[in-house]
Protein backbone atom coordinates (compact mmCIF):
# COMPACT_ATOMS: atom_id res chain seq x y z
CA MET A 1 -0.02 0.29 -0.02
CA LEU A 2 1.13 3.51 -0.71
CA ARG A 3 2.00 5.33 2.48
CA GLU A 4 3.31 8.94 0.87
CA HIS A 5 0.83 11.64 0.31
CA HIS A 6 3.20 12.39 -2.70
CA ASP A 7 3.18 8.82 -4.57
CA ILE A 8 -0.37 8.28 -4.62
CA THR A 9 -1.60 8.98 -8.47
CA LEU A 10 -4.91 6.67 -9.53
CA LEU A 11 -2.39 5.14 -12.06
CA LYS A 12 -0.31 3.64 -9.20
CA LEU A 13 -3.22 2.80 -7.63
CA ARG A 14 -4.71 0.81 -10.13
CA GLN A 15 -1.09 -0.65 -11.61
CA GLN A 16 -0.60 -2.04 -7.78
CA VAL A 17 -3.93 -4.11 -8.34
CA GLY A 18 -3.33 -5.03 -11.91
CA LEU A 19 -6.30 -3.65 -13.27
CA THR A 20 -6.23 -2.30 -17.22
CA GLN A 21 -8.08 0.79 -17.65
CA ARG A 22 -10.50 -1.30 -19.57
CA GLU A 23 -11.57 -3.29 -16.32
CA LEU A 24 -11.54 -0.84 -13.70
CA ALA A 25 -13.65 1.44 -16.52
CA GLU A 26 -16.17 -1.31 -16.87
CA ALA A 27 -16.67 -1.71 -12.83
CA LEU A 28 -17.42 1.88 -12.49
CA GLY A 29 -19.61 2.07 -16.29
CA VAL A 30 -17.75 4.78 -17.79
CA THR A 31 -15.28 4.53 -20.52
CA GLN A 32 -11.70 3.34 -21.06
CA LYS A 33 -11.01 7.28 -22.26
CA THR A 34 -12.72 8.57 -18.92
CA ILE A 35 -10.69 6.42 -16.62
CA SER A 36 -7.37 8.15 -18.92
CA ILE A 37 -8.75 11.66 -18.90
CA TRP A 38 -8.88 10.93 -14.67
CA GLU A 39 -5.44 9.13 -14.77
CA ARG A 40 -3.69 12.48 -16.51
CA GLY A 41 -5.14 14.84 -14.09
CA LYS A 42 -7.35 16.09 -17.02
CA MET A 43 -10.56 16.15 -15.16
CA GLN A 44 -11.46 15.12 -11.70
CA PRO A 45 -14.00 12.07 -11.28
CA LYS A 46 -17.34 12.94 -10.40
CA LEU A 47 -18.56 9.73 -8.54
CA SER A 48 -21.60 8.57 -7.41
CA PHE A 49 -21.51 7.43 -3.59
CA TRP A 50 -21.88 3.78 -5.14
CA GLN A 51 -19.06 4.66 -7.62
CA THR A 52 -16.82 5.79 -5.11
CA LYS A 53 -17.55 2.75 -3.13
CA LEU A 54 -16.97 0.36 -5.81
CA ILE A 55 -13.45 2.02 -6.86
CA MET A 56 -12.04 2.11 -2.98
CA GLU A 57 -12.68 -1.62 -3.28
CA LYS A 58 -11.30 -2.36 -7.04
CA LEU A 59 -8.08 0.01 -5.88
CA ASN A 60 -7.58 -1.49 -2.40
CA CYS A 61 -7.35 2.14 -0.78
CA THR A 62 -8.76 4.37 2.19
CA LEU A 63 -11.14 7.41 0.75
CA ASP A 64 -8.20 9.73 2.08
CA GLN A 65 -6.09 7.95 -0.50
CA LEU A 66 -8.77 8.41 -3.52
CA ILE A 67 -9.22 12.08 -2.86
CA ILE A 68 -5.34 12.65 -2.76
CA ALA A 69 -4.85 10.53 -5.72
CA THR A 70 -7.66 12.18 -7.89
CA ASP A 71 -6.93 15.85 -6.36
CA LEU A 72 -5.59 18.11 -9.59
CA LYS A 73 -3.90 20.52 -7.38
CA HIS A 74 -1.75 17.84 -5.82
CA GLN A 75 -1.74 16.02 -9.84
CA ASN A 76 -0.16 19.03 -10.82
CA GLU A 77 2.53 19.48 -7.68
CA ASN A 78 3.85 16.46 -8.50
CA GLU A 79 4.12 17.29 -12.20
CA ILE A 80 6.14 20.44 -10.71
CA LYS A 81 8.35 18.76 -8.71
CA SER A 82 9.23 15.71 -11.10
CA SER A 83 9.76 18.49 -14.26
CA ARG A 84 12.61 20.34 -11.89
CA MET A 85 14.50 16.86 -11.39
CA ILE A 86 15.07 16.82 -15.22
CA PRO A 87 17.88 19.27 -15.45
CA HIS A 88 17.56 21.80 -17.63
CA ASN A 89 19.99 21.54 -21.03
CA PRO A 90 19.48 24.17 -23.33
CA ARG A 91 21.25 22.06 -26.03
CA PHE A 92 17.80 20.00 -26.02
CA PHE A 93 15.01 22.39 -26.36
């Protein structure tokens, strides 16, 4: 189970339990494209109570972890941090 908040993403939670985007989408009654959009942080999931309960069961995660994993601000901060880890080399840009 992922313990660090900065490590929790929807993609990592899904991969940790070995589900494909298609499998998760079918379980939730959404499209694979919707799962992809959520994982890329392009849109925050709008889940019903039952979908929330089901995704927590499928991903073996807590509500706190799910909220962190789908928080767009959190995902954007992670993208900024990871982009800072790549040294800038003007010859490549």
